[in-house]
Structure formats: structure tokens, C-alpha cells
Amino acid sequence: MFFNDYPDFCANDLWSENRSHRYNAIIKPMCLKGARVLDLASNWGQWTFAALDAGAESVVGVEGRESNIQIAH
């Protein structure tokens, strides 16, 4: 499972018990192979990395809150 490879997301995700369900429901069924994705309000980047894992060619995450940007780095 994608999120098992990124344990740091578990510590920061307020809805950690649901993240795998959301990944399976939202990201997994999408055909992202070769896609260019814009992740608006990307928080700390968990869905940015999920899109890359699902085959996106590139992903740009845009986040306005400095605290989330620091976590993402």
C-alpha cells in the first residue's frame, strides 16, 4: 500500500485511518500514467506523492500555509 512506504504522512495526517481508503477510492482508479497533475492546497504533499506513485509524469503542489510547506520539505 502506498502510504505504508511514507510513514511521515501517518504522523501528520489528521485522518490517518482513512487515508488508505481515500487512496483506493480516488487515486488508484484514475488513469494517471503520463499525466501532468496540479495539486492545489497540497498540504504536506501526501496526495502529490500518491499521484506520482500512480504514474503521473509530473506533479506540482501548491500550498499557501508556510507550516505545511515546511512539513513537506
N, C-alpha and C. Protein backbone atom coordinates (compact mmCIF):
# COMPACT_ATOMS: atom_id res chain seq x y z
N MET A 1 0.85 -1.18 0.00
CA MET A 1 0.00 0.00 0.00
C MET A 1 0.88 1.24 0.00
N PHE A 2 0.50 2.22 -0.76
CA PHE A 2 1.27 3.43 -0.96
C PHE A 2 1.69 4.09 0.35
N PHE A 3 0.75 4.34 1.25
CA PHE A 3 1.07 5.11 2.45
C PHE A 3 1.98 4.37 3.43
N ASN A 4 2.05 3.06 3.33
CA ASN A 4 2.99 2.32 4.18
C ASN A 4 4.43 2.66 3.84
N ASP A 5 4.68 3.12 2.61
CA ASP A 5 6.02 3.49 2.19
C ASP A 5 6.42 4.89 2.66
N TYR A 6 5.48 5.66 3.19
CA TYR A 6 5.73 7.03 3.62
C TYR A 6 5.21 7.24 5.05
N PRO A 7 5.89 6.69 6.05
CA PRO A 7 5.38 6.76 7.42
C PRO A 7 5.27 8.17 7.98
N ASP A 8 6.01 9.13 7.44
CA ASP A 8 5.90 10.51 7.94
C ASP A 8 4.51 11.07 7.73
N PHE A 9 3.81 10.62 6.68
CA PHE A 9 2.45 11.10 6.46
C PHE A 9 1.52 10.65 7.58
N CYS A 10 1.80 9.51 8.17
CA CYS A 10 0.96 8.98 9.25
C CYS A 10 0.99 9.90 10.46
N ALA A 11 2.13 10.46 10.76
CA ALA A 11 2.28 11.32 11.93
C ALA A 11 1.55 12.64 11.75
N ASN A 12 1.38 13.10 10.51
CA ASN A 12 0.81 14.41 10.25
C ASN A 12 -0.64 14.38 9.77
N ASP A 13 -1.11 13.25 9.33
CA ASP A 13 -2.44 13.15 8.74
C ASP A 13 -3.50 13.02 9.83
N LEU A 14 -4.36 14.02 9.93
CA LEU A 14 -5.40 14.01 10.96
C LEU A 14 -6.41 12.88 10.74
N TRP A 15 -6.53 12.42 9.51
CA TRP A 15 -7.47 11.36 9.18
C TRP A 15 -6.72 10.11 8.77
N SER A 16 -5.68 9.76 9.52
CA SER A 16 -4.77 8.69 9.10
C SER A 16 -5.47 7.35 8.88
N GLU A 17 -6.50 7.05 9.66
CA GLU A 17 -7.15 5.75 9.47
C GLU A 17 -7.91 5.67 8.15
N ASN A 18 -8.22 6.82 7.55
CA ASN A 18 -8.98 6.82 6.30
C ASN A 18 -8.13 7.04 5.06
N ARG A 19 -6.84 7.34 5.24
CA ARG A 19 -6.03 7.73 4.08
C ARG A 19 -5.93 6.61 3.05
N SER A 20 -5.78 5.37 3.47
CA SER A 20 -5.68 4.27 2.50
C SER A 20 -7.00 4.08 1.77
N HIS A 21 -8.10 4.27 2.46
CA HIS A 21 -9.42 4.17 1.81
C HIS A 21 -9.57 5.26 0.75
N ARG A 22 -9.12 6.48 1.08
CA ARG A 22 -9.21 7.58 0.11
C ARG A 22 -8.30 7.31 -1.08
N TYR A 23 -7.10 6.78 -0.82
CA TYR A 23 -6.19 6.45 -1.92
C TYR A 23 -6.84 5.44 -2.85
N ASN A 24 -7.42 4.38 -2.29
CA ASN A 24 -8.06 3.34 -3.10
C ASN A 24 -9.29 3.86 -3.85
N ALA A 25 -10.00 4.81 -3.25
CA ALA A 25 -11.22 5.33 -3.87
C ALA A 25 -10.95 6.44 -4.88
N ILE A 26 -9.89 7.23 -4.67
CA ILE A 26 -9.68 8.42 -5.50
C ILE A 26 -8.51 8.24 -6.47
N ILE A 27 -7.35 7.89 -5.96
CA ILE A 27 -6.14 7.86 -6.78
C ILE A 27 -6.03 6.58 -7.60
N LYS A 28 -6.21 5.45 -6.96
CA LYS A 28 -5.98 4.16 -7.62
C LYS A 28 -6.80 3.97 -8.90
N PRO A 29 -8.10 4.33 -8.90
CA PRO A 29 -8.89 4.10 -10.12
C PRO A 29 -8.57 5.07 -11.26
N MET A 30 -7.89 6.17 -10.97
CA MET A 30 -7.58 7.15 -12.01
C MET A 30 -6.48 6.64 -12.92
N CYS A 31 -6.57 6.99 -14.16
CA CYS A 31 -5.51 6.68 -15.10
C CYS A 31 -4.58 7.89 -15.13
N LEU A 32 -3.55 7.86 -14.29
CA LEU A 32 -2.63 8.99 -14.20
C LEU A 32 -1.33 8.75 -14.95
N LYS A 33 -1.19 7.61 -15.59
CA LYS A 33 0.06 7.31 -16.28
C LYS A 33 0.35 8.38 -17.32
N GLY A 34 1.48 9.05 -17.13
CA GLY A 34 1.92 10.09 -18.05
C GLY A 34 1.23 11.44 -17.86
N ALA A 35 0.33 11.55 -16.90
CA ALA A 35 -0.43 12.79 -16.71
C ALA A 35 0.42 13.87 -16.04
N ARG A 36 0.04 15.10 -16.27
CA ARG A 36 0.60 16.24 -15.53
C ARG A 36 -0.49 16.67 -14.56
N VAL A 37 -0.16 16.72 -13.27
CA VAL A 37 -1.16 16.96 -12.22
C VAL A 37 -0.82 18.25 -11.47
N LEU A 38 -1.85 19.03 -11.19
CA LEU A 38 -1.73 20.21 -10.34
C LEU A 38 -2.47 19.92 -9.04
N ASP A 39 -1.75 19.89 -7.93
CA ASP A 39 -2.33 19.60 -6.62
C ASP A 39 -2.48 20.91 -5.85
N LEU A 40 -3.68 21.49 -5.91
CA LEU A 40 -3.94 22.75 -5.21
C LEU A 40 -4.26 22.48 -3.75
N ALA A 41 -3.78 23.35 -2.88
CA ALA A 41 -3.93 23.16 -1.43
C ALA A 41 -3.35 21.80 -1.04
N SER A 42 -2.09 21.59 -1.42
CA SER A 42 -1.46 20.28 -1.31
C SER A 42 -1.04 19.89 0.10
N ASN A 43 -1.30 20.76 1.09
CA ASN A 43 -0.94 20.47 2.47
C ASN A 43 0.52 20.08 2.56
N TRP A 44 0.84 18.88 3.04
CA TRP A 44 2.24 18.47 3.16
C TRP A 44 2.66 17.51 2.06
N GLY A 45 1.85 17.39 1.02
CA GLY A 45 2.26 16.67 -0.18
C GLY A 45 1.88 15.21 -0.28
N GLN A 46 1.06 14.71 0.63
CA GLN A 46 0.74 13.28 0.60
C GLN A 46 0.05 12.88 -0.70
N TRP A 47 -0.84 13.70 -1.22
CA TRP A 47 -1.53 13.34 -2.46
C TRP A 47 -0.67 13.66 -3.67
N THR A 48 0.27 14.57 -3.52
CA THR A 48 1.24 14.84 -4.58
C THR A 48 2.06 13.58 -4.84
N PHE A 49 2.58 12.99 -3.77
CA PHE A 49 3.36 11.76 -3.91
C PHE A 49 2.48 10.59 -4.36
N ALA A 50 1.23 10.57 -3.93
CA ALA A 50 0.32 9.50 -4.35
C ALA A 50 0.09 9.55 -5.86
N ALA A 51 -0.05 10.76 -6.41
CA ALA A 51 -0.24 10.90 -7.86
C ALA A 51 1.00 10.43 -8.61
N LEU A 52 2.18 10.76 -8.11
CA LEU A 52 3.41 10.27 -8.73
C LEU A 52 3.49 8.75 -8.67
N ASP A 53 3.13 8.20 -7.53
CA ASP A 53 3.13 6.75 -7.36
C ASP A 53 2.15 6.07 -8.32
N ALA A 54 1.07 6.77 -8.65
CA ALA A 54 0.05 6.22 -9.55
C ALA A 54 0.42 6.41 -11.02
N GLY A 55 1.61 6.96 -11.30
CA GLY A 55 2.08 7.03 -12.67
C GLY A 55 2.11 8.40 -13.31
N ALA A 56 1.77 9.45 -12.58
CA ALA A 56 1.82 10.79 -13.16
C ALA A 56 3.25 11.11 -13.59
N GLU A 57 3.37 11.78 -14.72
CA GLU A 57 4.69 12.17 -15.22
C GLU A 57 5.28 13.28 -14.36
N SER A 58 4.43 14.22 -13.97
CA SER A 58 4.88 15.30 -13.10
C SER A 58 3.71 15.79 -12.27
N VAL A 59 4.03 16.31 -11.10
CA VAL A 59 3.02 16.87 -10.20
C VAL A 59 3.57 18.15 -9.60
N VAL A 60 2.77 19.19 -9.62
CA VAL A 60 3.12 20.45 -8.97
C VAL A 60 2.16 20.63 -7.82
N GLY A 61 2.71 20.77 -6.62
CA GLY A 61 1.90 21.03 -5.44
C GLY A 61 1.94 22.51 -5.09
N VAL A 62 0.77 23.09 -4.84
CA VAL A 62 0.66 24.50 -4.46
C VAL A 62 0.04 24.56 -3.08
N GLU A 63 0.76 25.16 -2.14
CA GLU A 63 0.28 25.27 -0.76
C GLU A 63 0.62 26.66 -0.24
N GLY A 64 -0.36 27.31 0.37
CA GLY A 64 -0.18 28.67 0.86
C GLY A 64 0.26 28.78 2.31
N ARG A 65 0.11 27.73 3.08
CA ARG A 65 0.47 27.79 4.50
C ARG A 65 1.91 27.37 4.70
N GLU A 66 2.70 28.29 5.21
CA GLU A 66 4.13 28.05 5.43
C GLU A 66 4.39 26.83 6.29
N SER A 67 3.57 26.62 7.32
CA SER A 67 3.79 25.47 8.21
C SER A 67 3.66 24.15 7.44
N ASN A 68 2.72 24.06 6.51
CA ASN A 68 2.59 22.84 5.71
C ASN A 68 3.73 22.69 4.72
N ILE A 69 4.22 23.79 4.19
CA ILE A 69 5.35 23.74 3.27
C ILE A 69 6.58 23.22 3.99
N GLN A 70 6.79 23.65 5.22
CA GLN A 70 7.94 23.16 5.99
C GLN A 70 7.83 21.67 6.25
N ILE A 71 6.64 21.18 6.55
CA ILE A 71 6.44 19.74 6.77
C ILE A 71 6.73 18.97 5.49
N ALA A 72 6.31 19.51 4.36
CA ALA A 72 6.50 18.84 3.07
C ALA A 72 7.97 18.69 2.72
N HIS A 73 8.78 19.62 3.18
CA HIS A 73 10.21 19.54 2.86
C HIS A 73 10.85 18.52 3.75
